[in-house]
């Protein structure tokens, strides 16, 4: 039976705004994350364009990877990582997003990070833009609603491609680009929130602005891929989607149709554009029914065709059920919720745990696109307890990851071309959805707490040695 390929890319995933800290060091500019307060499962995080005295902004220090990168990468190497997914903070390279010349101190920092990875035999997998748009672009252009952002992004890509052409081979253009199909994406990804101050989840939703911004991201992504293919043929360019697997709540045909419609716009729309190179047929009716009219320029459709990605990557945490009308309990999830599946258990945050859904999802994606796939986020956010002896016994995390890796193995046996796996938050970091530290994902515990205190000391959890064995045996011993 087929199993993981010999060159399978085992590793872990992070994002600059959630773990680097050093938010105003060495010329870094302000990103949207830097004006987001902390929050919790019950107390929503807010966005405050003017920083408030006495309020905690978790991205400002996060876990301070900026000053701990050598120690952290050495720990990843000890686990045996073949790859490390991280993002470059756009505002380290272009502080407002609009400068003509890059910030040398920012470029030099990532040189050191990539050199540390390569010294340990770890292949960097770089997300170019991961939920940290320069706030300057929000103030000037209302984020991605402004077409000017395409050129700003291309200027940024040109700088990092040229600088790291001998150090980075694998690139992803936008993190969870399809978050832009949902209201929350206007804050996290698109930045279409000029002038807004308040609870992140309550930002006014303007679908016309969101989908116009998404079109500009499609064009920017395609142009970046095209630039890479023409100038740096050694690069492999990928997309990145939030995959929210959905099942019909019942076999009522109304539920089936409703699920299909939601799957199309949530899970397939963006990747159909990025992988196939054109807008899918079903988007027309959605736009018509929601009064959305995309303004395109001459050449946009050609660029989308010419800038299709080489491989497909996605995050997978949970699944939900969908019904046209249902008397059922709701459940939460990664940026979106749905109906509770009676056959599944849930995490401390109410996310339903569905390992078999990952096998199903891998098969669905591969049958649609037939290009290599990579699971670049998957993991269990949980309350971890630091014992008196310094140990953290996170058997629940081991159980979660084991079950998902087993199902990936099944998908590979099914014939899916799976190239790698990078569980989310391989070291504890700030949660994107809630802005808290208590929701921990890592194999490495970081002594940092929701009130901003902590020594930042790193400690291995029980899952650290377990994952090391998984990598050593290429997934044979779970």
Protein backbone atom coordinates (compact mmCIF):
# COMPACT_ATOMS: atom_id res chain seq x y z
CA UNK A 1 0.00 0.00 0.00
CA UNK A 2 1.24 3.49 -0.84
CA UNK A 3 2.48 5.58 2.07
CA UNK A 4 4.14 8.98 2.49
CA UNK A 5 6.73 9.74 -0.16
CA UNK A 6 10.40 9.57 0.87
CA UNK A 7 10.86 13.33 0.47
CA UNK A 8 7.67 14.14 2.42
CA UNK A 9 7.93 17.61 3.95
CA UNK A 10 7.21 17.16 7.66
CA UNK A 11 7.33 20.37 9.66
CA UNK A 12 5.29 23.04 11.40
CA UNK A 13 3.61 26.36 10.64
CA UNK A 14 3.59 29.88 12.09
CA UNK A 15 2.80 33.47 11.07
CA UNK A 16 4.94 36.58 11.61
CA UNK A 17 2.22 38.64 13.27
CA UNK A 18 1.41 35.86 15.74
CA UNK A 19 4.88 35.01 16.98
CA UNK A 20 7.63 37.44 15.93
CA UNK A 21 6.94 40.36 18.27
CA UNK A 22 9.43 43.27 17.91
CA UNK A 23 6.55 45.14 16.27
CA UNK A 24 8.35 48.49 16.02
CA UNK A 25 11.97 47.32 15.92
CA UNK A 26 14.49 47.96 13.12
CA UNK A 27 12.19 50.13 11.03
CA UNK A 28 9.14 47.83 11.00
CA UNK A 29 5.90 49.63 10.20
CA UNK A 30 2.42 49.16 11.67
CA UNK A 31 0.31 46.29 10.35
CA UNK A 32 -3.38 45.64 10.90
CA UNK A 33 -2.44 43.04 13.57
CA UNK A 34 -0.50 45.67 15.52
CA UNK A 35 -3.68 47.65 16.19
CA UNK A 36 -5.68 44.60 17.35
CA UNK A 37 -6.14 44.14 21.11
CA UNK A 38 -6.09 40.84 22.91
CA UNK A 39 -9.33 38.95 23.50
CA UNK A 40 -10.61 35.56 24.53
CA UNK A 41 -13.25 32.96 23.74
CA UNK A 42 -15.80 35.16 25.56
CA UNK A 43 -14.29 38.65 25.22
CA UNK A 44 -13.86 39.64 21.55
CA UNK A 45 -10.71 41.34 20.31
CA UNK A 46 -10.98 44.90 19.02
CA UNK A 47 -9.27 47.00 16.40
CA UNK A 48 -8.12 50.45 17.57
CA UNK A 49 -6.32 52.55 14.92
CA UNK A 50 -5.13 54.81 17.77
CA UNK A 51 -3.35 52.69 20.38
CA UNK A 52 -4.94 52.85 23.84
CA UNK A 53 -2.89 53.40 26.97
CA UNK A 54 -2.94 50.36 29.26
CA UNK A 55 -4.38 48.00 26.62
CA UNK A 56 -2.57 44.83 25.60
CA UNK A 57 -1.72 44.39 21.91
CA UNK A 58 -0.47 40.80 21.72
CA UNK A 59 1.41 41.10 18.41
CA UNK A 60 3.72 43.72 19.91
CA UNK A 61 5.75 41.12 21.79
CA UNK A 62 3.97 37.85 20.94
CA UNK A 63 6.55 35.15 21.82
CA UNK A 64 9.45 37.29 20.55
CA UNK A 65 10.70 34.91 17.85
CA UNK A 66 12.55 38.01 16.57
CA UNK A 67 15.07 37.57 19.38
CA UNK A 68 14.69 33.79 19.89
CA UNK A 69 14.79 32.54 16.29
CA UNK A 70 18.06 30.60 16.67
CA UNK A 71 16.83 28.75 19.76
CA UNK A 72 13.42 28.05 18.20
CA UNK A 73 14.77 26.81 14.87
CA UNK A 74 17.24 24.57 16.75
CA UNK A 75 14.26 23.03 18.58
CA UNK A 76 12.45 22.48 15.26
CA UNK A 77 15.59 20.81 13.95
CA UNK A 78 15.71 18.58 17.04
CA UNK A 79 12.21 17.39 16.14
CA UNK A 80 13.54 16.62 12.65
CA UNK A 81 11.63 19.24 10.65
CA UNK A 82 12.14 18.97 6.90
CA UNK A 83 10.30 22.26 6.33
CA UNK A 84 9.22 25.27 8.37
CA UNK A 85 6.28 27.36 7.22
CA UNK A 86 6.62 30.98 8.27
CA UNK A 87 5.56 34.31 6.84
CA UNK A 88 7.47 37.46 6.07
CA UNK A 89 6.00 40.55 7.72
CA UNK A 90 5.29 42.89 4.79
CA UNK A 91 5.81 45.88 7.14
CA UNK A 92 9.36 44.79 7.99
CA UNK A 93 10.27 45.12 4.32
CA UNK A 94 8.02 48.06 3.33
CA UNK A 95 6.84 49.79 6.54
CA UNK A 96 3.79 51.50 5.01
CA UNK A 97 3.58 49.22 1.97
CA UNK A 98 4.20 52.20 -0.31
CA UNK A 99 7.96 52.79 -0.12
CA UNK A 100 9.94 52.36 -3.32
CA UNK A 101 13.00 50.85 -1.63
CA UNK A 102 12.91 48.00 0.91
CA UNK A 103 14.03 48.33 4.53
CA UNK A 104 17.45 46.68 4.71
CA UNK A 105 17.15 45.80 8.42
CA UNK A 106 14.00 43.82 7.69
CA UNK A 107 15.58 41.97 4.78
CA UNK A 108 18.65 41.18 6.91
CA UNK A 109 16.49 39.64 9.66
CA UNK A 110 14.96 37.08 7.29
CA UNK A 111 18.39 36.35 5.83
CA UNK A 112 19.40 35.24 9.33
CA UNK A 113 16.21 33.21 9.81
CA UNK A 114 16.56 31.39 6.47
CA UNK A 115 20.27 30.80 7.07
CA UNK A 116 19.45 29.23 10.44
CA UNK A 117 16.86 26.97 8.76
CA UNK A 118 19.21 25.90 5.98
CA UNK A 119 22.04 25.26 8.45
CA UNK A 120 19.76 22.65 10.05
CA UNK A 121 18.61 21.21 6.73
CA UNK A 122 15.14 22.77 7.02
CA UNK A 123 13.47 24.00 3.81
CA UNK A 124 11.66 27.34 4.36
CA UNK A 125 8.05 27.48 3.12
CA UNK A 126 7.22 31.20 2.99
CA UNK A 127 3.78 32.83 3.06
CA UNK A 128 4.19 36.23 1.43
CA UNK A 129 1.14 37.84 3.05
CA UNK A 130 -0.34 36.27 6.19
CA UNK A 131 -3.02 38.44 7.84
CA UNK A 132 -0.78 41.46 8.45
CA UNK A 133 -1.47 44.08 5.81
CA UNK A 134 0.42 47.38 6.25
CA UNK A 135 -1.94 49.76 8.03
CA UNK A 136 -0.71 52.54 5.75
CA UNK A 137 -2.41 50.82 2.80
CA UNK A 138 -5.67 50.64 4.74
CA UNK A 139 -5.57 54.36 5.49
CA UNK A 140 -4.63 55.33 1.94
CA UNK A 141 -6.58 52.89 -0.24
CA UNK A 142 -9.07 51.08 2.04
CA UNK A 143 -6.80 48.07 1.74
CA UNK A 144 -7.26 45.73 -1.20
CA UNK A 145 -10.30 47.59 -2.46
CA UNK A 146 -7.72 49.94 -3.96
CA UNK A 147 -6.19 48.56 -7.13
CA UNK A 148 -2.98 50.38 -6.20
CA UNK A 149 -2.27 47.57 -3.72
CA UNK A 150 -1.44 45.25 -6.62
CA UNK A 151 1.66 47.26 -7.53
CA UNK A 152 2.62 47.66 -3.86
CA UNK A 153 2.43 43.88 -3.42
CA UNK A 154 4.40 43.25 -6.61
CA UNK A 155 7.11 45.64 -5.47
CA UNK A 156 7.29 43.68 -2.22
CA UNK A 157 7.41 40.33 -4.04
CA UNK A 158 10.14 41.55 -6.41
CA UNK A 159 12.29 42.58 -3.43
CA UNK A 160 11.95 39.32 -1.48
CA UNK A 161 12.18 37.04 -4.53
CA UNK A 162 15.46 38.62 -5.59
CA UNK A 163 16.88 38.72 -2.07
CA UNK A 164 16.02 35.13 -1.11
CA UNK A 165 16.20 33.43 -4.50
CA UNK A 166 18.98 31.11 -3.28
CA UNK A 167 17.39 30.41 0.11
CA UNK A 168 13.66 29.90 -0.47
CA UNK A 169 12.12 27.55 -3.01
CA UNK A 170 8.50 27.19 -1.81
CA UNK A 171 6.21 30.24 -1.68
CA UNK A 172 2.51 30.80 -0.89
CA UNK A 173 0.99 34.09 -2.05
CA UNK A 174 -1.87 34.83 0.39
CA UNK A 175 -2.80 33.01 3.57
CA UNK A 176 -6.36 31.65 3.60
CA UNK A 177 -7.25 33.88 0.66
CA UNK A 178 -10.84 32.62 0.74
CA UNK A 179 -11.39 34.29 4.11
CA UNK A 180 -12.18 37.24 1.83
CA UNK A 181 -15.46 35.53 0.91
CA UNK A 182 -16.55 36.06 4.56
CA UNK A 183 -17.10 39.24 6.60
CA UNK A 184 -14.14 38.51 8.93
CA UNK A 185 -11.81 38.52 5.92
CA UNK A 186 -12.33 42.25 5.51
CA UNK A 187 -10.26 42.78 8.67
CA UNK A 188 -7.77 39.92 8.57
CA UNK A 189 -6.95 39.64 4.90
CA UNK A 190 -8.38 42.44 2.76
CA UNK A 191 -8.02 45.45 5.04
CA UNK A 192 -11.24 47.03 3.71
CA UNK A 193 -11.85 48.71 7.08
CA UNK A 194 -10.61 52.27 6.60
CA UNK A 195 -11.65 54.37 9.58
CA UNK A 196 -13.19 51.47 11.51
CA UNK A 197 -12.61 51.16 15.23
CA UNK A 198 -14.32 48.55 17.39
CA UNK A 199 -14.90 44.81 17.84
CA UNK A 200 -13.25 42.92 14.96
CA UNK A 201 -16.28 40.67 14.44
CA UNK A 202 -18.58 43.72 14.23
CA UNK A 203 -16.77 45.49 11.40
CA UNK A 204 -19.40 46.60 8.85
CA UNK A 205 -19.66 44.11 6.02
CA UNK A 206 -19.59 45.46 2.47
CA UNK A 207 -19.62 42.49 0.06
CA UNK A 208 -18.96 44.72 -2.98
CA UNK A 209 -15.72 46.00 -1.39
CA UNK A 210 -14.71 42.51 -0.26
CA UNK A 211 -15.09 40.84 -3.63
CA UNK A 212 -13.47 43.78 -5.44
CA UNK A 213 -10.55 43.45 -3.03
CA UNK A 214 -10.46 39.71 -3.61
CA UNK A 215 -10.24 40.30 -7.37
CA UNK A 216 -7.24 42.55 -6.79
CA UNK A 217 -5.64 39.81 -4.65
CA UNK A 218 -6.24 37.28 -7.45
CA UNK A 219 -4.51 39.56 -9.95
CA UNK A 220 -1.65 40.28 -7.52
CA UNK A 221 -1.19 36.56 -6.79
CA UNK A 222 -1.21 35.67 -10.50
CA UNK A 223 1.30 38.43 -11.30
CA UNK A 224 3.57 37.23 -8.48
CA UNK A 225 3.39 33.64 -9.77
CA UNK A 226 4.07 34.83 -13.32
CA UNK A 227 7.07 36.89 -12.15
CA UNK A 228 8.44 33.87 -10.27
CA UNK A 229 7.97 31.48 -13.21
CA UNK A 230 9.68 33.88 -15.61
CA UNK A 231 12.62 35.02 -13.47
CA UNK A 232 13.07 32.25 -10.89
CA UNK A 233 12.19 28.91 -12.49
CA UNK A 234 13.49 27.10 -9.38
CA UNK A 235 10.58 28.48 -7.33
CA UNK A 236 7.45 26.46 -6.61
CA UNK A 237 4.44 28.73 -6.14
CA UNK A 238 1.37 27.72 -4.14
CA UNK A 239 -1.95 29.13 -3.02
CA UNK A 240 -3.40 28.74 0.48
CA UNK A 241 -7.07 28.25 1.38
CA UNK A 242 -9.02 27.80 4.58
CA UNK A 243 -10.87 24.56 3.90
CA UNK A 244 -14.11 24.38 5.87
CA UNK A 245 -15.44 20.93 5.07
CA UNK A 246 -19.25 20.86 5.05
CA UNK A 247 -21.76 18.03 5.18
CA UNK A 248 -25.50 18.26 4.60
CA UNK A 249 -27.26 18.08 7.99
CA UNK A 250 -29.82 15.66 6.53
CA UNK A 251 -30.47 13.94 3.21
CA UNK A 252 -33.21 16.47 2.48
CA UNK A 253 -32.42 17.73 -1.05
CA UNK A 254 -32.72 21.31 0.25
CA UNK A 255 -29.83 20.63 2.63
CA UNK A 256 -27.80 19.03 -0.15
CA UNK A 257 -28.24 22.05 -2.46
CA UNK A 258 -27.52 24.52 0.36
CA UNK A 259 -24.31 22.65 1.23
CA UNK A 260 -23.22 22.59 -2.40
CA UNK A 261 -23.76 26.36 -2.73
CA UNK A 262 -21.78 27.08 0.44
CA UNK A 263 -18.97 24.71 -0.58
CA UNK A 264 -18.73 26.43 -3.95
CA UNK A 265 -18.29 29.98 -2.69
CA UNK A 266 -16.43 29.20 0.52
CA UNK A 267 -14.11 26.37 -0.47
CA UNK A 268 -13.84 26.26 -4.26
CA UNK A 269 -14.24 29.79 -5.61
CA UNK A 270 -10.77 31.17 -4.82
CA UNK A 271 -8.84 28.03 -5.71
CA UNK A 272 -10.80 27.62 -8.95
CA UNK A 273 -9.42 31.04 -9.93
CA UNK A 274 -5.87 30.36 -8.65
CA UNK A 275 -5.51 26.78 -9.89
CA UNK A 276 -7.67 26.79 -13.04
CA UNK A 277 -7.06 30.40 -13.98
CA UNK A 278 -10.59 31.72 -14.45
CA UNK A 279 -13.72 32.71 -12.55
CA UNK A 280 -16.06 29.71 -12.09
CA UNK A 281 -19.54 29.67 -13.64
CA UNK A 282 -21.38 29.51 -10.30
CA UNK A 283 -19.94 32.86 -9.16
CA UNK A 284 -22.10 34.71 -11.70
CA UNK A 285 -25.36 33.91 -9.96
CA UNK A 286 -23.88 34.61 -6.53
CA UNK A 287 -22.70 38.05 -7.67
CA UNK A 288 -26.03 38.81 -9.27
CA UNK A 289 -28.04 37.83 -6.20
CA UNK A 290 -25.75 39.81 -3.88
CA UNK A 291 -25.47 42.96 -6.05
CA UNK A 292 -21.74 42.49 -6.58
CA UNK A 293 -20.14 43.87 -9.72
CA UNK A 294 -16.41 43.23 -10.17
CA UNK A 295 -14.54 46.00 -11.96
CA UNK A 296 -11.79 44.49 -14.10
CA UNK A 297 -9.15 46.07 -16.28
CA UNK A 298 -8.11 44.91 -19.72
CA UNK A 299 -5.69 42.05 -19.35
CA UNK A 300 -6.88 40.88 -15.92
CA UNK A 301 -8.43 37.67 -17.23
CA UNK A 302 -5.29 36.86 -19.24
CA UNK A 303 -3.13 37.41 -16.16
CA UNK A 304 -5.28 35.00 -14.12
CA UNK A 305 -4.75 32.36 -16.83
CA UNK A 306 -0.99 32.94 -16.94
CA UNK A 307 -0.44 32.96 -13.17
CA UNK A 308 -1.82 29.62 -11.97
CA UNK A 309 -0.13 27.95 -9.01
CA UNK A 310 2.08 24.85 -8.98
CA UNK A 311 0.67 23.26 -5.83
CA UNK A 312 -2.34 23.66 -3.57
CA UNK A 313 -2.13 24.16 0.20
CA UNK A 314 -4.82 24.50 2.83
CA UNK A 315 -5.69 24.65 6.50
CA UNK A 316 -7.92 21.96 7.97
CA UNK A 317 -9.16 22.05 11.55
CA UNK A 318 -12.78 20.97 11.61
CA UNK A 319 -15.97 20.32 9.65
CA UNK A 320 -19.51 21.63 10.00
CA UNK A 321 -23.00 20.67 8.94
CA UNK A 322 -25.26 22.80 6.76
CA UNK A 323 -29.04 22.95 6.51
CA UNK A 324 -31.48 25.15 4.65
CA UNK A 325 -33.57 25.30 7.82
CA UNK A 326 -32.74 23.32 10.93
CA UNK A 327 -33.58 23.09 14.56
CA UNK A 328 -30.01 22.20 15.53
CA UNK A 329 -27.25 23.54 17.76
CA UNK A 330 -24.69 25.83 16.21
CA UNK A 331 -20.96 25.24 16.58
CA UNK A 332 -17.90 27.44 16.09
CA UNK A 333 -14.85 26.99 13.90
CA UNK A 334 -11.96 28.59 12.04
CA UNK A 335 -13.44 32.04 11.20
CA UNK A 336 -16.86 30.52 10.60
CA UNK A 337 -19.39 28.26 12.24
CA UNK A 338 -22.10 25.82 11.24
CA UNK A 339 -24.37 23.20 12.72
CA UNK A 340 -23.17 20.63 15.22
CA UNK A 341 -22.51 17.14 13.88
CA UNK A 342 -23.92 14.59 16.35
CA UNK A 343 -21.23 12.07 15.37
CA UNK A 344 -18.27 14.26 16.36
CA UNK A 345 -16.60 15.55 19.51
CA UNK A 346 -15.34 19.13 19.84
CA UNK A 347 -12.30 21.00 21.20
CA UNK A 348 -12.32 23.38 24.20
CA UNK A 349 -13.22 26.14 21.74
CA UNK A 350 -16.14 24.23 20.23
CA UNK A 351 -14.35 23.25 16.99
CA UNK A 352 -15.55 19.81 15.89
CA UNK A 353 -12.83 17.18 15.57
CA UNK A 354 -13.15 15.25 12.32
CA UNK A 355 -10.02 13.34 11.18
CA UNK A 356 -11.90 11.34 8.54
CA UNK A 357 -13.07 14.64 7.11
CA UNK A 358 -9.42 15.33 6.22
CA UNK A 359 -9.21 12.17 4.10
CA UNK A 360 -12.50 13.10 2.42
CA UNK A 361 -11.25 16.66 1.83
CA UNK A 362 -7.90 15.58 0.38
CA UNK A 363 -9.71 13.33 -2.08
CA UNK A 364 -12.18 16.07 -3.04
CA UNK A 365 -9.44 18.63 -3.68
CA UNK A 366 -7.16 16.24 -5.57
CA UNK A 367 -9.95 14.92 -7.79
CA UNK A 368 -10.79 18.52 -8.71
CA UNK A 369 -7.29 19.87 -9.42
CA UNK A 370 -4.80 16.99 -9.89
CA UNK A 371 -1.83 18.98 -8.60
CA UNK A 372 0.30 18.23 -5.50
CA UNK A 373 -1.35 19.08 -2.17
CA UNK A 374 -0.01 20.10 1.20
CA UNK A 375 -1.77 20.41 4.57
CA UNK A 376 -0.13 23.56 5.93
CA UNK A 377 -2.30 24.08 9.01
CA UNK A 378 -3.93 21.50 11.27
CA UNK A 379 -3.88 21.32 15.03
CA UNK A 380 -5.64 21.42 18.35
CA UNK A 381 -5.97 24.65 20.31
CA UNK A 382 -6.19 23.64 23.96
CA UNK A 383 -5.56 24.76 27.54
CA UNK A 384 -2.16 23.26 28.40
CA UNK A 385 -1.18 22.81 32.03
CA UNK A 386 2.39 23.43 33.11
CA UNK A 387 3.03 20.87 35.86
CA UNK A 388 5.18 21.62 38.92
CA UNK A 389 8.02 19.52 37.48
CA UNK A 390 7.93 21.59 34.27
CA UNK A 391 6.26 18.93 32.12
CA UNK A 392 3.24 19.44 29.86
CA UNK A 393 1.33 16.24 29.18
CA UNK A 394 -0.68 17.05 26.08
CA UNK A 395 -1.93 13.57 25.19
CA UNK A 396 -5.10 15.15 23.74
CA UNK A 397 -2.95 16.90 21.12
CA UNK A 398 -1.08 13.69 20.29
CA UNK A 399 -4.42 11.90 19.87
CA UNK A 400 -5.74 14.66 17.59
CA UNK A 401 -2.65 14.77 15.37
CA UNK A 402 -2.26 11.00 15.25
CA UNK A 403 -5.82 10.57 14.03
CA UNK A 404 -5.33 13.20 11.30
CA UNK A 405 -2.01 11.76 10.13
CA UNK A 406 -3.63 8.31 9.92
CA UNK A 407 -6.27 9.75 7.62
CA UNK A 408 -3.64 11.53 5.51
CA UNK A 409 -1.96 8.16 5.12
CA UNK A 410 -5.28 6.72 3.94
CA UNK A 411 -5.65 9.56 1.42
CA UNK A 412 -2.17 8.83 0.08
CA UNK A 413 -3.15 5.16 -0.26
CA UNK A 414 -6.24 6.39 -2.13
CA UNK A 415 -3.85 7.96 -4.65
CA UNK A 416 -3.72 11.58 -3.49
CA UNK A 417 -0.40 13.32 -4.26
CA UNK A 418 0.40 14.74 -0.81
CA UNK A 419 3.74 16.53 -0.50
CA UNK A 420 3.86 17.69 3.12
CA UNK A 421 2.32 18.45 6.48
CA UNK A 422 2.95 21.43 8.74
CA UNK A 423 0.76 21.40 11.87
CA UNK A 424 -0.31 24.86 13.01
CA UNK A 425 1.52 26.68 15.76
CA UNK A 426 4.37 24.20 16.16
CA UNK A 427 5.41 26.56 18.97
CA UNK A 428 2.80 28.35 21.10
CA UNK A 429 1.74 31.68 19.61
CA UNK A 430 -1.03 34.29 19.69
CA UNK A 431 -4.39 33.06 18.37
CA UNK A 432 -5.50 34.88 15.20
CA UNK A 433 -9.21 34.62 15.93
CA UNK A 434 -9.24 35.51 19.63
CA UNK A 435 -5.89 37.24 20.24
CA UNK A 436 -5.10 35.06 23.25
CA UNK A 437 -2.16 32.92 24.39
CA UNK A 438 -4.27 30.46 26.42
CA UNK A 439 -5.36 28.72 23.22
CA UNK A 440 -2.14 26.78 22.70
CA UNK A 441 -1.24 24.65 19.68
CA UNK A 442 2.50 24.02 19.91
CA UNK A 443 4.85 21.13 20.53
CA UNK A 444 6.82 23.76 22.46
CA UNK A 445 5.29 25.61 25.42
CA UNK A 446 6.15 29.28 25.73
CA UNK A 447 5.82 30.92 29.14
CA UNK A 448 3.71 33.86 28.00
CA UNK A 449 0.25 34.60 29.36
CA UNK A 450 -2.86 36.56 28.48
CA UNK A 451 -2.04 39.43 30.81
CA UNK A 452 1.19 40.01 28.89
CA UNK A 453 3.44 38.53 31.57
CA UNK A 454 5.84 35.59 31.26
CA UNK A 455 9.52 34.77 31.01
CA UNK A 456 9.23 33.60 27.36
CA UNK A 457 11.06 30.41 28.40
CA UNK A 458 10.59 27.51 25.96
CA UNK A 459 9.66 24.03 27.23
CA UNK A 460 9.08 20.81 25.30
CA UNK A 461 5.63 19.28 25.65
CA UNK A 462 5.05 15.52 25.60
CA UNK A 463 3.99 15.91 21.94
CA UNK A 464 7.51 17.15 21.06
CA UNK A 465 9.11 13.70 21.35
CA UNK A 466 6.05 12.03 19.85
CA UNK A 467 6.23 14.19 16.70
CA UNK A 468 9.98 13.65 16.51
CA UNK A 469 9.32 9.89 16.26
CA UNK A 470 6.62 10.43 13.63
CA UNK A 471 9.09 12.34 11.45
CA UNK A 472 11.93 9.87 12.07
CA UNK A 473 9.75 7.01 10.85
CA UNK A 474 8.13 9.02 8.01
CA UNK A 475 4.74 8.55 9.59
CA UNK A 476 5.05 4.81 10.17
CA UNK A 477 5.07 5.06 13.98
CA UNK A 478 2.21 7.09 15.36
